[in-house]
Amino acid sequence: MTSVEQRRMIQDLARYVRSMTRDERFAYDMMVKRVKDDEDLDALTLRMLEAMHANFVPRRSKDVLNDAWRKLTGGNDRKGSNE
C-alpha cells in the first residue's frame, strides 16, 4: 500500500472519530502521528487501518449514487433521452 493510499484512508476515517471506541481512537491517533511524521506503517498497523476503514467507512455502489443523483436532479440521466 502506498503512502498516498494510507493518507486517504486516514482522512476518510477522520469523519468517524466520534463513533470509535477508546482503543480504536488511540490506534487512529497513533496512525495519524506516524503518517504526519512521514513514517512507514508496519504490517500490523496496516491491517488495523484496513480493518477500521472497512468497518467505519461505508462503501456505496454506483447504482446507489445514480439513484441519489436522479432524485436530486428530478430527471433521467440516461444519455440519448430527449426528456
PDB file of N, CA and C in Angstrom:
ATOM      1  N   MET A   1       0.850  -1.174   0.000  1.00  0.00           N
ATOM      2  CA  MET A   1       0.000   0.000   0.000  1.00  0.00           C
ATOM      3  C   MET A   1       0.896   1.237   0.000  1.00  0.00           C
ATOM      4  N   THR A   2       0.570   2.180  -0.832  1.00  0.00           N
ATOM      5  CA  THR A   2       1.380   3.389  -0.925  1.00  0.00           C
ATOM      6  C   THR A   2       1.027   4.368   0.184  1.00  0.00           C
ATOM      7  N   SER A   3       1.893   5.319   0.379  1.00  0.00           N
ATOM      8  CA  SER A   3       1.653   6.315   1.421  1.00  0.00           C
ATOM      9  C   SER A   3       0.451   7.196   1.075  1.00  0.00           C
ATOM     10  N   VAL A   4       0.200   7.386  -0.208  1.00  0.00           N
ATOM     11  CA  VAL A   4      -0.957   8.177  -0.629  1.00  0.00           C
ATOM     12  C   VAL A   4      -2.251   7.464  -0.222  1.00  0.00           C
ATOM     13  N   GLU A   5      -2.311   6.153  -0.427  1.00  0.00           N
ATOM     14  CA  GLU A   5      -3.489   5.383  -0.031  1.00  0.00           C
ATOM     15  C   GLU A   5      -3.666   5.403   1.480  1.00  0.00           C
ATOM     16  N   GLN A   6      -2.569   5.318   2.217  1.00  0.00           N
ATOM     17  CA  GLN A   6      -2.642   5.370   3.671  1.00  0.00           C
ATOM     18  C   GLN A   6      -3.207   6.703   4.135  1.00  0.00           C
ATOM     19  N   ARG A   7      -2.718   7.785   3.554  1.00  0.00           N
ATOM     20  CA  ARG A   7      -3.216   9.114   3.928  1.00  0.00           C
ATOM     21  C   ARG A   7      -4.700   9.268   3.595  1.00  0.00           C
ATOM     22  N   ARG A   8      -5.109   8.748   2.437  1.00  0.00           N
ATOM     23  CA  ARG A   8      -6.520   8.842   2.047  1.00  0.00           C
ATOM     24  C   ARG A   8      -7.403   8.080   3.022  1.00  0.00           C
ATOM     25  N   MET A   9      -6.960   6.890   3.417  1.00  0.00           N
ATOM     26  CA  MET A   9      -7.742   6.090   4.349  1.00  0.00           C
ATOM     27  C   MET A   9      -7.842   6.777   5.709  1.00  0.00           C
ATOM     28  N   ILE A  10      -6.758   7.388   6.154  1.00  0.00           N
ATOM     29  CA  ILE A  10      -6.777   8.089   7.431  1.00  0.00           C
ATOM     30  C   ILE A  10      -7.677   9.313   7.349  1.00  0.00           C
ATOM     31  N   GLN A  11      -7.658  10.021   6.221  1.00  0.00           N
ATOM     32  CA  GLN A  11      -8.547  11.165   6.043  1.00  0.00           C
ATOM     33  C   GLN A  11     -10.009  10.723   6.023  1.00  0.00           C
ATOM     34  N   ASP A  12     -10.287   9.578   5.403  1.00  0.00           N
ATOM     35  CA  ASP A  12     -11.654   9.058   5.396  1.00  0.00           C
ATOM     36  C   ASP A  12     -12.119   8.732   6.806  1.00  0.00           C
ATOM     37  N   LEU A  13     -11.228   8.191   7.614  1.00  0.00           N
ATOM     38  CA  LEU A  13     -11.590   7.812   8.985  1.00  0.00           C
ATOM     39  C   LEU A  13     -11.792   9.012   9.897  1.00  0.00           C
ATOM     40  N   ALA A  14     -11.259  10.170   9.518  1.00  0.00           N
ATOM     41  CA  ALA A  14     -11.368  11.357  10.368  1.00  0.00           C
ATOM     42  C   ALA A  14     -12.827  11.730  10.633  1.00  0.00           C
ATOM     43  N   ARG A  15     -13.708  11.429   9.713  1.00  0.00           N
ATOM     44  CA  ARG A  15     -15.134  11.751   9.895  1.00  0.00           C
ATOM     45  C   ARG A  15     -15.804  10.874  10.943  1.00  0.00           C
ATOM     46  N   TYR A  16     -15.211   9.721  11.226  1.00  0.00           N
ATOM     47  CA  TYR A  16     -15.844   8.741  12.091  1.00  0.00           C
ATOM     48  C   TYR A  16     -15.159   8.595  13.446  1.00  0.00           C
ATOM     49  N   VAL A  17     -14.343   9.578  13.822  1.00  0.00           N
ATOM     50  CA  VAL A  17     -13.595   9.502  15.076  1.00  0.00           C
ATOM     51  C   VAL A  17     -14.544   9.450  16.275  1.00  0.00           C
ATOM     52  N   ARG A  18     -15.624  10.165  16.210  1.00  0.00           N
ATOM     53  CA  ARG A  18     -16.563  10.211  17.341  1.00  0.00           C
ATOM     54  C   ARG A  18     -17.233   8.873  17.617  1.00  0.00           C
ATOM     55  N   SER A  19     -17.360   8.036  16.602  1.00  0.00           N
ATOM     56  CA  SER A  19     -18.030   6.755  16.803  1.00  0.00           C
ATOM     57  C   SER A  19     -17.051   5.619  17.120  1.00  0.00           C
ATOM     58  N   MET A  20     -15.765   5.938  17.248  1.00  0.00           N
ATOM     59  CA  MET A  20     -14.768   4.919  17.568  1.00  0.00           C
ATOM     60  C   MET A  20     -14.734   4.654  19.063  1.00  0.00           C
ATOM     61  N   THR A  21     -14.320   3.431  19.396  1.00  0.00           N
ATOM     62  CA  THR A  21     -14.115   3.118  20.807  1.00  0.00           C
ATOM     63  C   THR A  21     -12.818   3.764  21.268  1.00  0.00           C
ATOM     64  N   ARG A  22     -12.575   3.674  22.539  1.00  0.00           N
ATOM     65  CA  ARG A  22     -11.379   4.291  23.115  1.00  0.00           C
ATOM     66  C   ARG A  22     -10.093   3.694  22.516  1.00  0.00           C
ATOM     67  N   ASP A  23     -10.053   2.370  22.391  1.00  0.00           N
ATOM     68  CA  ASP A  23      -8.873   1.706  21.836  1.00  0.00           C
ATOM     69  C   ASP A  23      -8.690   2.031  20.352  1.00  0.00           C
ATOM     70  N   GLU A  24      -9.802   2.068  19.612  1.00  0.00           N
ATOM     71  CA  GLU A  24      -9.729   2.411  18.194  1.00  0.00           C
ATOM     72  C   GLU A  24      -9.260   3.852  18.011  1.00  0.00           C
ATOM     73  N   ARG A  25      -9.732   4.724  18.862  1.00  0.00           N
ATOM     74  CA  ARG A  25      -9.337   6.134  18.809  1.00  0.00           C
ATOM     75  C   ARG A  25      -7.849   6.291  19.077  1.00  0.00           C
ATOM     76  N   PHE A  26      -7.345   5.545  20.073  1.00  0.00           N
ATOM     77  CA  PHE A  26      -5.922   5.597  20.391  1.00  0.00           C
ATOM     78  C   PHE A  26      -5.090   5.108  19.212  1.00  0.00           C
ATOM     79  N   ALA A  27      -5.496   3.989  18.612  1.00  0.00           N
ATOM     80  CA  ALA A  27      -4.776   3.446  17.461  1.00  0.00           C
ATOM     81  C   ALA A  27      -4.822   4.427  16.293  1.00  0.00           C
ATOM     82  N   TYR A  28      -5.977   5.037  16.077  1.00  0.00           N
ATOM     83  CA  TYR A  28      -6.117   6.019  14.995  1.00  0.00           C
ATOM     84  C   TYR A  28      -5.195   7.210  15.236  1.00  0.00           C
ATOM     85  N   ASP A  29      -5.159   7.720  16.452  1.00  0.00           N
ATOM     86  CA  ASP A  29      -4.297   8.861  16.759  1.00  0.00           C
ATOM     87  C   ASP A  29      -2.821   8.527  16.524  1.00  0.00           C
ATOM     88  N   MET A  30      -2.418   7.323  16.869  1.00  0.00           N
ATOM     89  CA  MET A  30      -1.031   6.906  16.637  1.00  0.00           C
ATOM     90  C   MET A  30      -0.732   6.818  15.140  1.00  0.00           C
ATOM     91  N   MET A  31      -1.703   6.329  14.371  1.00  0.00           N
ATOM     92  CA  MET A  31      -1.522   6.262  12.917  1.00  0.00           C
ATOM     93  C   MET A  31      -1.381   7.658  12.325  1.00  0.00           C
ATOM     94  N   VAL A  32      -2.188   8.587  12.798  1.00  0.00           N
ATOM     95  CA  VAL A  32      -2.130   9.963  12.309  1.00  0.00           C
ATOM     96  C   VAL A  32      -0.760  10.565  12.600  1.00  0.00           C
ATOM     97  N   LYS A  33      -0.254  10.332  13.794  1.00  0.00           N
ATOM     98  CA  LYS A  33       1.054  10.872  14.155  1.00  0.00           C
ATOM     99  C   LYS A  33       2.158  10.276  13.290  1.00  0.00           C
ATOM    100  N   ARG A  34       2.084   8.972  13.038  1.00  0.00           N
ATOM    101  CA  ARG A  34       3.119   8.326  12.228  1.00  0.00           C
ATOM    102  C   ARG A  34       3.070   8.811  10.786  1.00  0.00           C
ATOM    103  N   VAL A  35       1.886   9.000  10.249  1.00  0.00           N
ATOM    104  CA  VAL A  35       1.768   9.492   8.873  1.00  0.00           C
ATOM    105  C   VAL A  35       2.222  10.947   8.797  1.00  0.00           C
ATOM    106  N   LYS A  36       1.899  11.730   9.817  1.00  0.00           N
ATOM    107  CA  LYS A  36       2.313  13.131   9.835  1.00  0.00           C
ATOM    108  C   LYS A  36       3.840  13.253   9.868  1.00  0.00           C
ATOM    109  N   ASP A  37       4.505  12.315  10.560  1.00  0.00           N
ATOM    110  CA  ASP A  37       5.965  12.323  10.636  1.00  0.00           C
ATOM    111  C   ASP A  37       6.613  11.605   9.456  1.00  0.00           C
ATOM    112  N   ASP A  38       5.831  11.220   8.472  1.00  0.00           N
ATOM    113  CA  ASP A  38       6.301  10.504   7.273  1.00  0.00           C
ATOM    114  C   ASP A  38       6.987   9.191   7.598  1.00  0.00           C
ATOM    115  N   GLU A  39       6.478   8.500   8.604  1.00  0.00           N
ATOM    116  CA  GLU A  39       6.987   7.175   8.936  1.00  0.00           C
ATOM    117  C   GLU A  39       6.149   6.133   8.213  1.00  0.00           C
ATOM    118  N   ASP A  40       6.768   5.012   7.887  1.00  0.00           N
ATOM    119  CA  ASP A  40       6.047   3.908   7.263  1.00  0.00           C
ATOM    120  C   ASP A  40       5.276   3.137   8.319  1.00  0.00           C
ATOM    121  N   LEU A  41       4.086   2.701   7.960  1.00  0.00           N
ATOM    122  CA  LEU A  41       3.297   1.878   8.869  1.00  0.00           C
ATOM    123  C   LEU A  41       3.725   0.426   8.720  1.00  0.00           C
ATOM    124  N   ASP A  42       3.830  -0.271   9.848  1.00  0.00           N
ATOM    125  CA  ASP A  42       4.213  -1.680   9.787  1.00  0.00           C
ATOM    126  C   ASP A  42       3.013  -2.529   9.374  1.00  0.00           C
ATOM    127  N   ALA A  43       3.248  -3.821   9.185  1.00  0.00           N
ATOM    128  CA  ALA A  43       2.207  -4.716   8.660  1.00  0.00           C
ATOM    129  C   ALA A  43       1.006  -4.802   9.594  1.00  0.00           C
ATOM    130  N   LEU A  44       1.242  -4.852  10.893  1.00  0.00           N
ATOM    131  CA  LEU A  44       0.142  -4.942  11.855  1.00  0.00           C
ATOM    132  C   LEU A  44      -0.715  -3.679  11.821  1.00  0.00           C
ATOM    133  N   THR A  45      -0.069  -2.536  11.769  1.00  0.00           N
ATOM    134  CA  THR A  45      -0.797  -1.268  11.723  1.00  0.00           C
ATOM    135  C   THR A  45      -1.565  -1.126  10.413  1.00  0.00           C
ATOM    136  N   LEU A  46      -0.977  -1.586   9.322  1.00  0.00           N
ATOM    137  CA  LEU A  46      -1.682  -1.544   8.041  1.00  0.00           C
ATOM    138  C   LEU A  46      -2.942  -2.399   8.075  1.00  0.00           C
ATOM    139  N   ARG A  47      -2.832  -3.596   8.649  1.00  0.00           N
ATOM    140  CA  ARG A  47      -4.024  -4.450   8.761  1.00  0.00           C
ATOM    141  C   ARG A  47      -5.078  -3.789   9.640  1.00  0.00           C
ATOM    142  N   MET A  48      -4.647  -3.143  10.731  1.00  0.00           N
ATOM    143  CA  MET A  48      -5.582  -2.463  11.617  1.00  0.00           C
ATOM    144  C   MET A  48      -6.251  -1.289  10.898  1.00  0.00           C
ATOM    145  N   LEU A  49      -5.473  -0.557  10.099  1.00  0.00           N
ATOM    146  CA  LEU A  49      -6.014   0.564   9.337  1.00  0.00           C
ATOM    147  C   LEU A  49      -7.048   0.081   8.322  1.00  0.00           C
ATOM    148  N   GLU A  50      -6.724  -0.991   7.612  1.00  0.00           N
ATOM    149  CA  GLU A  50      -7.660  -1.532   6.633  1.00  0.00           C
ATOM    150  C   GLU A  50      -8.930  -2.040   7.299  1.00  0.00           C
ATOM    151  N   ALA A  51      -8.809  -2.680   8.465  1.00  0.00           N
ATOM    152  CA  ALA A  51      -9.985  -3.182   9.175  1.00  0.00           C
ATOM    153  C   ALA A  51     -10.861  -2.036   9.668  1.00  0.00           C
ATOM    154  N   MET A  52     -10.236  -1.001  10.202  1.00  0.00           N
ATOM    155  CA  MET A  52     -11.007   0.152  10.676  1.00  0.00           C
ATOM    156  C   MET A  52     -11.688   0.850   9.503  1.00  0.00           C
ATOM    157  N   HIS A  53     -10.997   0.965   8.384  1.00  0.00           N
ATOM    158  CA  HIS A  53     -11.576   1.616   7.210  1.00  0.00           C
ATOM    159  C   HIS A  53     -12.774   0.817   6.704  1.00  0.00           C
ATOM    160  N   ALA A  54     -12.640  -0.503   6.668  1.00  0.00           N
ATOM    161  CA  ALA A  54     -13.749  -1.342   6.207  1.00  0.00           C
ATOM    162  C   ALA A  54     -14.917  -1.292   7.183  1.00  0.00           C
ATOM    163  N   ASN A  55     -14.628  -1.126   8.458  1.00  0.00           N
ATOM    164  CA  ASN A  55     -15.666  -1.119   9.482  1.00  0.00           C
ATOM    165  C   ASN A  55     -16.439   0.203   9.519  1.00  0.00           C
ATOM    166  N   PHE A  56     -15.753   1.318   9.376  1.00  0.00           N
ATOM    167  CA  PHE A  56     -16.399   2.619   9.572  1.00  0.00           C
ATOM    168  C   PHE A  56     -16.855   3.292   8.288  1.00  0.00           C
ATOM    169  N   VAL A  57     -16.067   3.218   7.239  1.00  0.00           N
ATOM    170  CA  VAL A  57     -16.380   3.955   6.019  1.00  0.00           C
ATOM    171  C   VAL A  57     -17.306   3.105   5.145  1.00  0.00           C
ATOM    172  N   PRO A  58     -18.524   3.595   4.898  1.00  0.00           N
ATOM    173  CA  PRO A  58     -19.455   2.804   4.080  1.00  0.00           C
ATOM    174  C   PRO A  58     -19.056   2.811   2.620  1.00  0.00           C
ATOM    175  N   ARG A  59     -19.206   1.668   1.999  1.00  0.00           N
ATOM    176  CA  ARG A  59     -18.939   1.543   0.563  1.00  0.00           C
ATOM    177  C   ARG A  59     -20.262   1.687  -0.170  1.00  0.00           C
ATOM    178  N   ARG A  60     -20.291   2.592  -1.098  1.00  0.00           N
ATOM    179  CA  ARG A  60     -21.519   2.812  -1.852  1.00  0.00           C
ATOM    180  C   ARG A  60     -21.316   2.333  -3.282  1.00  0.00           C
ATOM    181  N   SER A  61     -22.326   1.651  -3.782  1.00  0.00           N
ATOM    182  CA  SER A  61     -22.235   1.182  -5.161  1.00  0.00           C
ATOM    183  C   SER A  61     -22.617   2.315  -6.110  1.00  0.00           C
ATOM    184  N   LYS A  62     -22.286   2.144  -7.350  1.00  0.00           N
ATOM    185  CA  LYS A  62     -22.581   3.152  -8.361  1.00  0.00           C
ATOM    186  C   LYS A  62     -24.084   3.318  -8.554  1.00  0.00           C
ATOM    187  N   ASP A  63     -24.844   2.228  -8.414  1.00  0.00           N
ATOM    188  CA  ASP A  63     -26.292   2.301  -8.578  1.00  0.00           C
ATOM    189  C   ASP A  63     -26.929   3.180  -7.503  1.00  0.00           C
ATOM    190  N   VAL A  64     -26.452   3.060  -6.275  1.00  0.00           N
ATOM    191  CA  VAL A  64     -26.984   3.879  -5.185  1.00  0.00           C
ATOM    192  C   VAL A  64     -26.704   5.351  -5.455  1.00  0.00           C
ATOM    193  N   LEU A  65     -25.510   5.655  -5.917  1.00  0.00           N
ATOM    194  CA  LEU A  65     -25.174   7.044  -6.224  1.00  0.00           C
ATOM    195  C   LEU A  65     -25.987   7.571  -7.400  1.00  0.00           C
ATOM    196  N   ASN A  66     -26.196   6.750  -8.421  1.00  0.00           N
ATOM    197  CA  ASN A  66     -27.003   7.178  -9.565  1.00  0.00           C
ATOM    198  C   ASN A  66     -28.450   7.425  -9.159  1.00  0.00           C
ATOM    199  N   ASP A  67     -29.004   6.583  -8.302  1.00  0.00           N
ATOM    200  CA  ASP A  67     -30.372   6.794  -7.821  1.00  0.00           C
ATOM    201  C   ASP A  67     -30.475   8.087  -7.025  1.00  0.00           C
ATOM    202  N   ALA A  68     -29.492   8.352  -6.195  1.00  0.00           N
ATOM    203  CA  ALA A  68     -29.488   9.593  -5.416  1.00  0.00           C
ATOM    204  C   ALA A  68     -29.390  10.803  -6.339  1.00  0.00           C
ATOM    205  N   TRP A  69     -28.580  10.692  -7.388  1.00  0.00           N
ATOM    206  CA  TRP A  69     -28.445  11.803  -8.341  1.00  0.00           C
ATOM    207  C   TRP A  69     -29.750  12.045  -9.084  1.00  0.00           C
ATOM    208  N   ARG A  70     -30.432  10.960  -9.481  1.00  0.00           N
ATOM    209  CA  ARG A  70     -31.720  11.105 -10.164  1.00  0.00           C
ATOM    210  C   ARG A  70     -32.747  11.780  -9.265  1.00  0.00           C
ATOM    211  N   LYS A  71     -32.777  11.398  -8.000  1.00  0.00           N
ATOM    212  CA  LYS A  71     -33.716  12.024  -7.065  1.00  0.00           C
ATOM    213  C   LYS A  71     -33.385  13.492  -6.864  1.00  0.00           C
ATOM    214  N   LEU A  72     -32.096  13.801  -6.806  1.00  0.00           N
ATOM    215  CA  LEU A  72     -31.668  15.181  -6.587  1.00  0.00           C
ATOM    216  C   LEU A  72     -31.989  16.066  -7.776  1.00  0.00           C
ATOM    217  N   THR A  73     -31.742  15.568  -8.974  1.00  0.00           N
ATOM    218  CA  THR A  73     -31.977  16.388 -10.165  1.00  0.00           C
ATOM    219  C   THR A  73     -33.400  16.299 -10.666  1.00  0.00           C
ATOM    220  N   GLY A  74     -34.121  15.277 -10.209  1.00  0.00           N
ATOM    221  CA  GLY A  74     -35.505  15.140 -10.619  1.00  0.00           C
ATOM    222  C   GLY A  74     -35.681  14.710 -12.050  1.00  0.00           C
ATOM    223  N   GLY A  75     -34.666  14.149 -12.631  1.00  0.00           N
ATOM    224  CA  GLY A  75     -34.756  13.769 -14.028  1.00  0.00           C
ATOM    225  C   GLY A  75     -34.108  12.440 -14.307  1.00  0.00           C
ATOM    226  N   ASN A  76     -33.978  12.205 -15.573  1.00  0.00           N
ATOM    227  CA  ASN A  76     -33.392  10.961 -16.047  1.00  0.00           C
ATOM    228  C   ASN A  76     -32.018  11.292 -16.604  1.00  0.00           C
ATOM    229  N   ASP A  77     -30.974  10.612 -16.125  1.00  0.00           N
ATOM    230  CA  ASP A  77     -29.628  10.967 -16.553  1.00  0.00           C
ATOM    231  C   ASP A  77     -29.101  10.034 -17.643  1.00  0.00           C
ATOM    232  N   ARG A  78     -29.951   9.318 -18.296  1.00  0.00           N
ATOM    233  CA  ARG A  78     -29.512   8.426 -19.377  1.00  0.00           C
ATOM    234  C   ARG A  78     -29.143   9.236 -20.599  1.00  0.00           C
ATOM    235  N   LYS A  79     -28.087   8.825 -21.253  1.00  0.00           N
ATOM    236  CA  LYS A  79     -27.648   9.538 -22.444  1.00  0.00           C
ATOM    237  C   LYS A  79     -28.582   9.218 -23.602  1.00  0.00           C
ATOM    238  N   GLY A  80     -28.868  10.196 -24.391  1.00  0.00           N
ATOM    239  CA  GLY A  80     -29.679   9.998 -25.578  1.00  0.00           C
ATOM    240  C   GLY A  80     -31.179  10.180 -25.352  1.00  0.00           C
ATOM    241  N   SER A  81     -31.602  10.405 -24.132  1.00  0.00           N
ATOM    242  CA  SER A  81     -33.038  10.602 -23.939  1.00  0.00           C
ATOM    243  C   SER A  81     -33.364  12.071 -24.174  1.00  0.00           C
ATOM    244  N   ASN A  82     -34.518  12.322 -24.714  1.00  0.00           N
ATOM    245  CA  ASN A  82     -34.926  13.679 -25.055  1.00  0.00           C
ATOM    246  C   ASN A  82     -35.919  14.245 -24.080  1.00  0.00           C
ATOM    247  N   GLU A  83     -35.888  13.818 -22.862  1.00  0.00           N
ATOM    248  CA  GLU A  83     -36.840  14.324 -21.878  1.00  0.00           C
ATOM    249  C   GLU A  83     -36.304  15.527 -21.169  1.00  0.00           C
TER     250      GLU A  83
END
